Amino acid sequence: MHKSPSKSLKVGAVAFAVLWTLWMLSWSGSLDRINVVMLSLCGAAVGYAWYFAMRRPLRRKGLSPREEDSAT
C-alpha cells in the first residue's frame, strides 16, 4: 500500500505533536485542567509548525508534491 508523501508528513506532524504534548505533561508534573489545555494548544501549534518546517526541505528534495500539483 502506497501512501502519499503529504499524508505521511501530516501523520508525522500529528505524532510529533502528541508525543511533544505527552512529554511536556510528564515533564511539568502537573495534570491540572488548565495545564493540560495550555500544553495541548501548544502541542497543536508545535505540530503545525513542524509540518511546515519539514514540508520545505522535502519539497526541495522532490519528496513532496508542490501545491499546484496536489490541487489536481
PDB file of N, CA and C in Angstrom:
ATOM      1  N   MET A   1       0.843  -1.168   0.000  1.00  0.00           N
ATOM      2  CA  MET A   1       0.000   0.000   0.000  1.00  0.00           C
ATOM      3  C   MET A   1       0.895   1.239   0.000  1.00  0.00           C
ATOM      4  N   HIS A   2       0.644   2.139  -0.929  1.00  0.00           N
ATOM      5  CA  HIS A   2       1.489   3.318  -1.111  1.00  0.00           C
ATOM      6  C   HIS A   2       0.791   4.546  -0.532  1.00  0.00           C
ATOM      7  N   LYS A   3       1.479   5.193   0.405  1.00  0.00           N
ATOM      8  CA  LYS A   3       0.957   6.436   0.971  1.00  0.00           C
ATOM      9  C   LYS A   3       1.566   7.603   0.223  1.00  0.00           C
ATOM     10  N   SER A   4       0.805   8.679   0.119  1.00  0.00           N
ATOM     11  CA  SER A   4       1.356   9.885  -0.491  1.00  0.00           C
ATOM     12  C   SER A   4       2.298  10.556   0.505  1.00  0.00           C
ATOM     13  N   PRO A   5       3.330  11.245   0.013  1.00  0.00           N
ATOM     14  CA  PRO A   5       4.252  11.935   0.923  1.00  0.00           C
ATOM     15  C   PRO A   5       3.540  12.972   1.792  1.00  0.00           C
ATOM     16  N   SER A   6       2.527  13.612   1.240  1.00  0.00           N
ATOM     17  CA  SER A   6       1.788  14.614   2.012  1.00  0.00           C
ATOM     18  C   SER A   6       1.065  13.967   3.185  1.00  0.00           C
ATOM     19  N   LYS A   7       0.462  12.815   2.956  1.00  0.00           N
ATOM     20  CA  LYS A   7      -0.251  12.093   4.014  1.00  0.00           C
ATOM     21  C   LYS A   7       0.721  11.639   5.101  1.00  0.00           C
ATOM     22  N   SER A   8       1.880  11.129   4.701  1.00  0.00           N
ATOM     23  CA  SER A   8       2.883  10.695   5.666  1.00  0.00           C
ATOM     24  C   SER A   8       3.390  11.862   6.497  1.00  0.00           C
ATOM     25  N   LEU A   9       3.571  13.004   5.870  1.00  0.00           N
ATOM     26  CA  LEU A   9       4.042  14.183   6.581  1.00  0.00           C
ATOM     27  C   LEU A   9       3.003  14.662   7.592  1.00  0.00           C
ATOM     28  N   LYS A  10       1.733  14.619   7.225  1.00  0.00           N
ATOM     29  CA  LYS A  10       0.666  15.023   8.146  1.00  0.00           C
ATOM     30  C   LYS A  10       0.573  14.066   9.336  1.00  0.00           C
ATOM     31  N   VAL A  11       0.684  12.779   9.072  1.00  0.00           N
ATOM     32  CA  VAL A  11       0.651  11.793  10.156  1.00  0.00           C
ATOM     33  C   VAL A  11       1.858  11.982  11.073  1.00  0.00           C
ATOM     34  N   GLY A  12       3.010  12.257  10.483  1.00  0.00           N
ATOM     35  CA  GLY A  12       4.206  12.515  11.275  1.00  0.00           C
ATOM     36  C   GLY A  12       4.066  13.755  12.140  1.00  0.00           C
ATOM     37  N   ALA A  13       3.437  14.787  11.609  1.00  0.00           N
ATOM     38  CA  ALA A  13       3.238  16.024  12.375  1.00  0.00           C
ATOM     39  C   ALA A  13       2.288  15.785  13.543  1.00  0.00           C
ATOM     40  N   VAL A  14       1.250  15.008  13.323  1.00  0.00           N
ATOM     41  CA  VAL A  14       0.307  14.697  14.410  1.00  0.00           C
ATOM     42  C   VAL A  14       1.009  13.859  15.477  1.00  0.00           C
ATOM     43  N   ALA A  15       1.781  12.872  15.058  1.00  0.00           N
ATOM     44  CA  ALA A  15       2.513  12.041  16.011  1.00  0.00           C
ATOM     45  C   ALA A  15       3.502  12.889  16.804  1.00  0.00           C
ATOM     46  N   PHE A  16       4.199  13.795  16.135  1.00  0.00           N
ATOM     47  CA  PHE A  16       5.141  14.673  16.811  1.00  0.00           C
ATOM     48  C   PHE A  16       4.421  15.547  17.833  1.00  0.00           C
ATOM     49  N   ALA A  17       3.277  16.101  17.461  1.00  0.00           N
ATOM     50  CA  ALA A  17       2.516  16.961  18.373  1.00  0.00           C
ATOM     51  C   ALA A  17       2.042  16.181  19.600  1.00  0.00           C
ATOM     52  N   VAL A  18       1.558  14.970  19.390  1.00  0.00           N
ATOM     53  CA  VAL A  18       1.075  14.155  20.510  1.00  0.00           C
ATOM     54  C   VAL A  18       2.228  13.783  21.437  1.00  0.00           C
ATOM     55  N   LEU A  19       3.343  13.346  20.862  1.00  0.00           N
ATOM     56  CA  LEU A  19       4.493  12.972  21.686  1.00  0.00           C
ATOM     57  C   LEU A  19       5.068  14.180  22.427  1.00  0.00           C
ATOM     58  N   TRP A  20       5.128  15.323  21.777  1.00  0.00           N
ATOM     59  CA  TRP A  20       5.626  16.532  22.416  1.00  0.00           C
ATOM     60  C   TRP A  20       4.729  16.919  23.588  1.00  0.00           C
ATOM     61  N   THR A  21       3.411  16.858  23.368  1.00  0.00           N
ATOM     62  CA  THR A  21       2.456  17.210  24.422  1.00  0.00           C
ATOM     63  C   THR A  21       2.581  16.259  25.609  1.00  0.00           C
ATOM     64  N   LEU A  22       2.667  14.969  25.330  1.00  0.00           N
ATOM     65  CA  LEU A  22       2.810  13.994  26.415  1.00  0.00           C
ATOM     66  C   LEU A  22       4.117  14.203  27.177  1.00  0.00           C
ATOM     67  N   TRP A  23       5.189  14.496  26.454  1.00  0.00           N
ATOM     68  CA  TRP A  23       6.472  14.742  27.108  1.00  0.00           C
ATOM     69  C   TRP A  23       6.390  15.977  28.010  1.00  0.00           C
ATOM     70  N   MET A  24       5.777  17.043  27.510  1.00  0.00           N
ATOM     71  CA  MET A  24       5.659  18.258  28.301  1.00  0.00           C
ATOM     72  C   MET A  24       4.762  18.047  29.528  1.00  0.00           C
ATOM     73  N   LEU A  25       3.709  17.252  29.377  1.00  0.00           N
ATOM     74  CA  LEU A  25       2.850  16.957  30.521  1.00  0.00           C
ATOM     75  C   LEU A  25       3.598  16.153  31.577  1.00  0.00           C
ATOM     76  N   SER A  26       4.380  15.177  31.147  1.00  0.00           N
ATOM     77  CA  SER A  26       5.140  14.388  32.115  1.00  0.00           C
ATOM     78  C   SER A  26       6.249  15.214  32.739  1.00  0.00           C
ATOM     79  N   TRP A  27       6.838  16.109  31.984  1.00  0.00           N
ATOM     80  CA  TRP A  27       7.921  16.943  32.488  1.00  0.00           C
ATOM     81  C   TRP A  27       7.411  17.970  33.494  1.00  0.00           C
ATOM     82  N   SER A  28       6.214  18.523  33.248  1.00  0.00           N
ATOM     83  CA  SER A  28       5.680  19.542  34.156  1.00  0.00           C
ATOM     84  C   SER A  28       5.236  18.931  35.483  1.00  0.00           C
ATOM     85  N   GLY A  29       4.784  17.686  35.437  1.00  0.00           N
ATOM     86  CA  GLY A  29       4.380  17.011  36.664  1.00  0.00           C
ATOM     87  C   GLY A  29       3.003  17.394  37.177  1.00  0.00           C
ATOM     88  N   SER A  30       2.333  18.303  36.513  1.00  0.00           N
ATOM     89  CA  SER A  30       1.023  18.763  36.965  1.00  0.00           C
ATOM     90  C   SER A  30      -0.035  18.410  35.930  1.00  0.00           C
ATOM     91  N   LEU A  31      -1.100  17.783  36.383  1.00  0.00           N
ATOM     92  CA  LEU A  31      -2.191  17.442  35.476  1.00  0.00           C
ATOM     93  C   LEU A  31      -3.423  18.298  35.744  1.00  0.00           C
ATOM     94  N   ASP A  32      -3.204  19.540  36.167  1.00  0.00           N
ATOM     95  CA  ASP A  32      -4.320  20.471  36.323  1.00  0.00           C
ATOM     96  C   ASP A  32      -4.979  20.695  34.971  1.00  0.00           C
ATOM     97  N   ARG A  33      -6.261  20.973  35.005  1.00  0.00           N
ATOM     98  CA  ARG A  33      -7.021  21.147  33.770  1.00  0.00           C
ATOM     99  C   ARG A  33      -6.417  22.237  32.880  1.00  0.00           C
ATOM    100  N   ILE A  34      -6.073  23.380  33.470  1.00  0.00           N
ATOM    101  CA  ILE A  34      -5.539  24.491  32.677  1.00  0.00           C
ATOM    102  C   ILE A  34      -4.182  24.128  32.075  1.00  0.00           C
ATOM    103  N   ASN A  35      -3.376  23.381  32.816  1.00  0.00           N
ATOM    104  CA  ASN A  35      -2.076  22.952  32.305  1.00  0.00           C
ATOM    105  C   ASN A  35      -2.248  22.017  31.101  1.00  0.00           C
ATOM    106  N   VAL A  36      -3.186  21.096  31.194  1.00  0.00           N
ATOM    107  CA  VAL A  36      -3.441  20.163  30.090  1.00  0.00           C
ATOM    108  C   VAL A  36      -3.946  20.918  28.865  1.00  0.00           C
ATOM    109  N   VAL A  37      -4.850  21.865  29.067  1.00  0.00           N
ATOM    110  CA  VAL A  37      -5.392  22.645  27.950  1.00  0.00           C
ATOM    111  C   VAL A  37      -4.296  23.482  27.295  1.00  0.00           C
ATOM    112  N   MET A  38      -3.510  24.174  28.118  1.00  0.00           N
ATOM    113  CA  MET A  38      -2.444  25.028  27.570  1.00  0.00           C
ATOM    114  C   MET A  38      -1.403  24.214  26.807  1.00  0.00           C
ATOM    115  N   LEU A  39      -0.977  23.094  27.383  1.00  0.00           N
ATOM    116  CA  LEU A  39       0.025  22.275  26.703  1.00  0.00           C
ATOM    117  C   LEU A  39      -0.544  21.593  25.458  1.00  0.00           C
ATOM    118  N   SER A  40      -1.829  21.287  25.462  1.00  0.00           N
ATOM    119  CA  SER A  40      -2.448  20.714  24.262  1.00  0.00           C
ATOM    120  C   SER A  40      -2.485  21.739  23.129  1.00  0.00           C
ATOM    121  N   LEU A  41      -2.835  22.983  23.472  1.00  0.00           N
ATOM    122  CA  LEU A  41      -2.831  24.044  22.456  1.00  0.00           C
ATOM    123  C   LEU A  41      -1.418  24.300  21.940  1.00  0.00           C
ATOM    124  N   CYS A  42      -0.459  24.318  22.846  1.00  0.00           N
ATOM    125  CA  CYS A  42       0.940  24.490  22.424  1.00  0.00           C
ATOM    126  C   CYS A  42       1.400  23.306  21.579  1.00  0.00           C
ATOM    127  N   GLY A  43       0.978  22.105  21.935  1.00  0.00           N
ATOM    128  CA  GLY A  43       1.328  20.918  21.154  1.00  0.00           C
ATOM    129  C   GLY A  43       0.768  20.978  19.745  1.00  0.00           C
ATOM    130  N   ALA A  44      -0.457  21.485  19.613  1.00  0.00           N
ATOM    131  CA  ALA A  44      -1.041  21.647  18.282  1.00  0.00           C
ATOM    132  C   ALA A  44      -0.246  22.660  17.466  1.00  0.00           C
ATOM    133  N   ALA A  45       0.169  23.741  18.103  1.00  0.00           N
ATOM    134  CA  ALA A  45       0.971  24.758  17.412  1.00  0.00           C
ATOM    135  C   ALA A  45       2.331  24.199  17.015  1.00  0.00           C
ATOM    136  N   VAL A  46       2.940  23.411  17.892  1.00  0.00           N
ATOM    137  CA  VAL A  46       4.237  22.803  17.589  1.00  0.00           C
ATOM    138  C   VAL A  46       4.099  21.824  16.427  1.00  0.00           C
ATOM    139  N   GLY A  47       3.049  21.023  16.418  1.00  0.00           N
ATOM    140  CA  GLY A  47       2.829  20.085  15.310  1.00  0.00           C
ATOM    141  C   GLY A  47       2.608  20.807  13.992  1.00  0.00           C
ATOM    142  N   TYR A  48       1.866  21.897  14.032  1.00  0.00           N
ATOM    143  CA  TYR A  48       1.607  22.702  12.833  1.00  0.00           C
ATOM    144  C   TYR A  48       2.906  23.313  12.318  1.00  0.00           C
ATOM    145  N   ALA A  49       3.706  23.849  13.235  1.00  0.00           N
ATOM    146  CA  ALA A  49       4.988  24.445  12.845  1.00  0.00           C
ATOM    147  C   ALA A  49       5.943  23.381  12.303  1.00  0.00           C
ATOM    148  N   TRP A  50       5.938  22.199  12.904  1.00  0.00           N
ATOM    149  CA  TRP A  50       6.811  21.114  12.450  1.00  0.00           C
ATOM    150  C   TRP A  50       6.430  20.682  11.033  1.00  0.00           C
ATOM    151  N   TYR A  51       5.125  20.619  10.770  1.00  0.00           N
ATOM    152  CA  TYR A  51       4.658  20.253   9.426  1.00  0.00           C
ATOM    153  C   TYR A  51       5.208  21.220   8.382  1.00  0.00           C
ATOM    154  N   PHE A  52       5.076  22.521   8.641  1.00  0.00           N
ATOM    155  CA  PHE A  52       5.559  23.499   7.668  1.00  0.00           C
ATOM    156  C   PHE A  52       7.081  23.545   7.598  1.00  0.00           C
ATOM    157  N   ALA A  53       7.737  23.297   8.720  1.00  0.00           N
ATOM    158  CA  ALA A  53       9.200  23.282   8.717  1.00  0.00           C
ATOM    159  C   ALA A  53       9.744  22.094   7.924  1.00  0.00           C
ATOM    160  N   MET A  54       9.067  20.967   7.965  1.00  0.00           N
ATOM    161  CA  MET A  54       9.530  19.771   7.245  1.00  0.00           C
ATOM    162  C   MET A  54       9.081  19.763   5.789  1.00  0.00           C
ATOM    163  N   ARG A  55       8.012  20.465   5.489  1.00  0.00           N
ATOM    164  CA  ARG A  55       7.488  20.469   4.127  1.00  0.00           C
ATOM    165  C   ARG A  55       8.458  21.116   3.150  1.00  0.00           C
ATOM    166  N   ARG A  56       9.093  22.204   3.562  1.00  0.00           N
ATOM    167  CA  ARG A  56      10.014  22.928   2.676  1.00  0.00           C
ATOM    168  C   ARG A  56      11.219  22.074   2.257  1.00  0.00           C
ATOM    169  N   PRO A  57      11.959  21.455   3.192  1.00  0.00           N
ATOM    170  CA  PRO A  57      13.105  20.640   2.747  1.00  0.00           C
ATOM    171  C   PRO A  57      12.684  19.428   1.914  1.00  0.00           C
ATOM    172  N   LEU A  58      11.525  18.856   2.234  1.00  0.00           N
ATOM    173  CA  LEU A  58      11.070  17.701   1.450  1.00  0.00           C
ATOM    174  C   LEU A  58      10.709  18.112   0.026  1.00  0.00           C
ATOM    175  N   ARG A  59      10.167  19.303  -0.145  1.00  0.00           N
ATOM    176  CA  ARG A  59       9.868  19.788  -1.495  1.00  0.00           C
ATOM    177  C   ARG A  59      11.146  20.047  -2.273  1.00  0.00           C
ATOM    178  N   ARG A  60      12.139  20.591  -1.595  1.00  0.00           N
ATOM    179  CA  ARG A  60      13.410  20.862  -2.277  1.00  0.00           C
ATOM    180  C   ARG A  60      14.067  19.584  -2.750  1.00  0.00           C
ATOM    181  N   LYS A  61      13.900  18.500  -1.998  1.00  0.00           N
ATOM    182  CA  LYS A  61      14.473  17.209  -2.386  1.00  0.00           C
ATOM    183  C   LYS A  61      13.573  16.464  -3.372  1.00  0.00           C
ATOM    184  N   GLY A  62      12.394  16.992  -3.628  1.00  0.00           N
ATOM    185  CA  GLY A  62      11.474  16.361  -4.566  1.00  0.00           C
ATOM    186  C   GLY A  62      10.682  15.215  -3.973  1.00  0.00           C
ATOM    187  N   LEU A  63      10.620  15.133  -2.644  1.00  0.00           N
ATOM    188  CA  LEU A  63       9.896  14.047  -1.995  1.00  0.00           C
ATOM    189  C   LEU A  63       8.450  14.386  -1.687  1.00  0.00           C
ATOM    190  N   SER A  64       8.086  15.648  -1.822  1.00  0.00           N
ATOM    191  CA  SER A  64       6.723  16.079  -1.536  1.00  0.00           C
ATOM    192  C   SER A  64       6.210  16.889  -2.725  1.00  0.00           C
ATOM    193  N   PRO A  65       4.947  16.689  -3.116  1.00  0.00           N
ATOM    194  CA  PRO A  65       4.432  17.422  -4.273  1.00  0.00           C
ATOM    195  C   PRO A  65       4.274  18.912  -3.994  1.00  0.00           C
ATOM    196  N   ARG A  66       4.330  19.702  -5.031  1.00  0.00           N
ATOM    197  CA  ARG A  66       4.125  21.144  -4.909  1.00  0.00           C
ATOM    198  C   ARG A  66       2.635  21.411  -4.731  1.00  0.00           C
ATOM    199  N   GLU A  67       2.292  22.614  -4.270  1.00  0.00           N
ATOM    200  CA  GLU A  67       0.877  22.971  -4.022  1.00  0.00           C
ATOM    201  C   GLU A  67       0.042  22.852  -5.282  1.00  0.00           C
ATOM    202  N   GLU A  68       0.566  23.364  -6.404  1.00  0.00           N
ATOM    203  CA  GLU A  68      -0.229  23.318  -7.629  1.00  0.00           C
ATOM    204  C   GLU A  68      -0.394  21.899  -8.142  1.00  0.00           C
ATOM    205  N   ASP A  69       0.550  20.984  -7.827  1.00  0.00           N
ATOM    206  CA  ASP A  69       0.431  19.589  -8.240  1.00  0.00           C
ATOM    207  C   ASP A  69      -0.573  18.836  -7.400  1.00  0.00           C
ATOM    208  N   SER A  70      -0.668  19.171  -6.120  1.00  0.00           N
ATOM    209  CA  SER A  70      -1.563  18.428  -5.233  1.00  0.00           C
ATOM    210  C   SER A  70      -3.021  18.898  -5.348  1.00  0.00           C
ATOM    211  N   ALA A  71      -3.259  20.020  -6.026  1.00  0.00           N
ATOM    212  CA  ALA A  71      -4.618  20.533  -6.173  1.00  0.00           C
ATOM    213  C   ALA A  71      -5.422  19.722  -7.197  1.00  0.00           C
ATOM    214  N   THR A  72      -4.745  19.018  -8.078  1.00  0.00           N
ATOM    215  CA  THR A  72      -5.454  18.249  -9.118  1.00  0.00           C
ATOM    216  C   THR A  72      -5.790  16.871  -8.697  1.00  0.00           C
TER     217      THR A  72
END
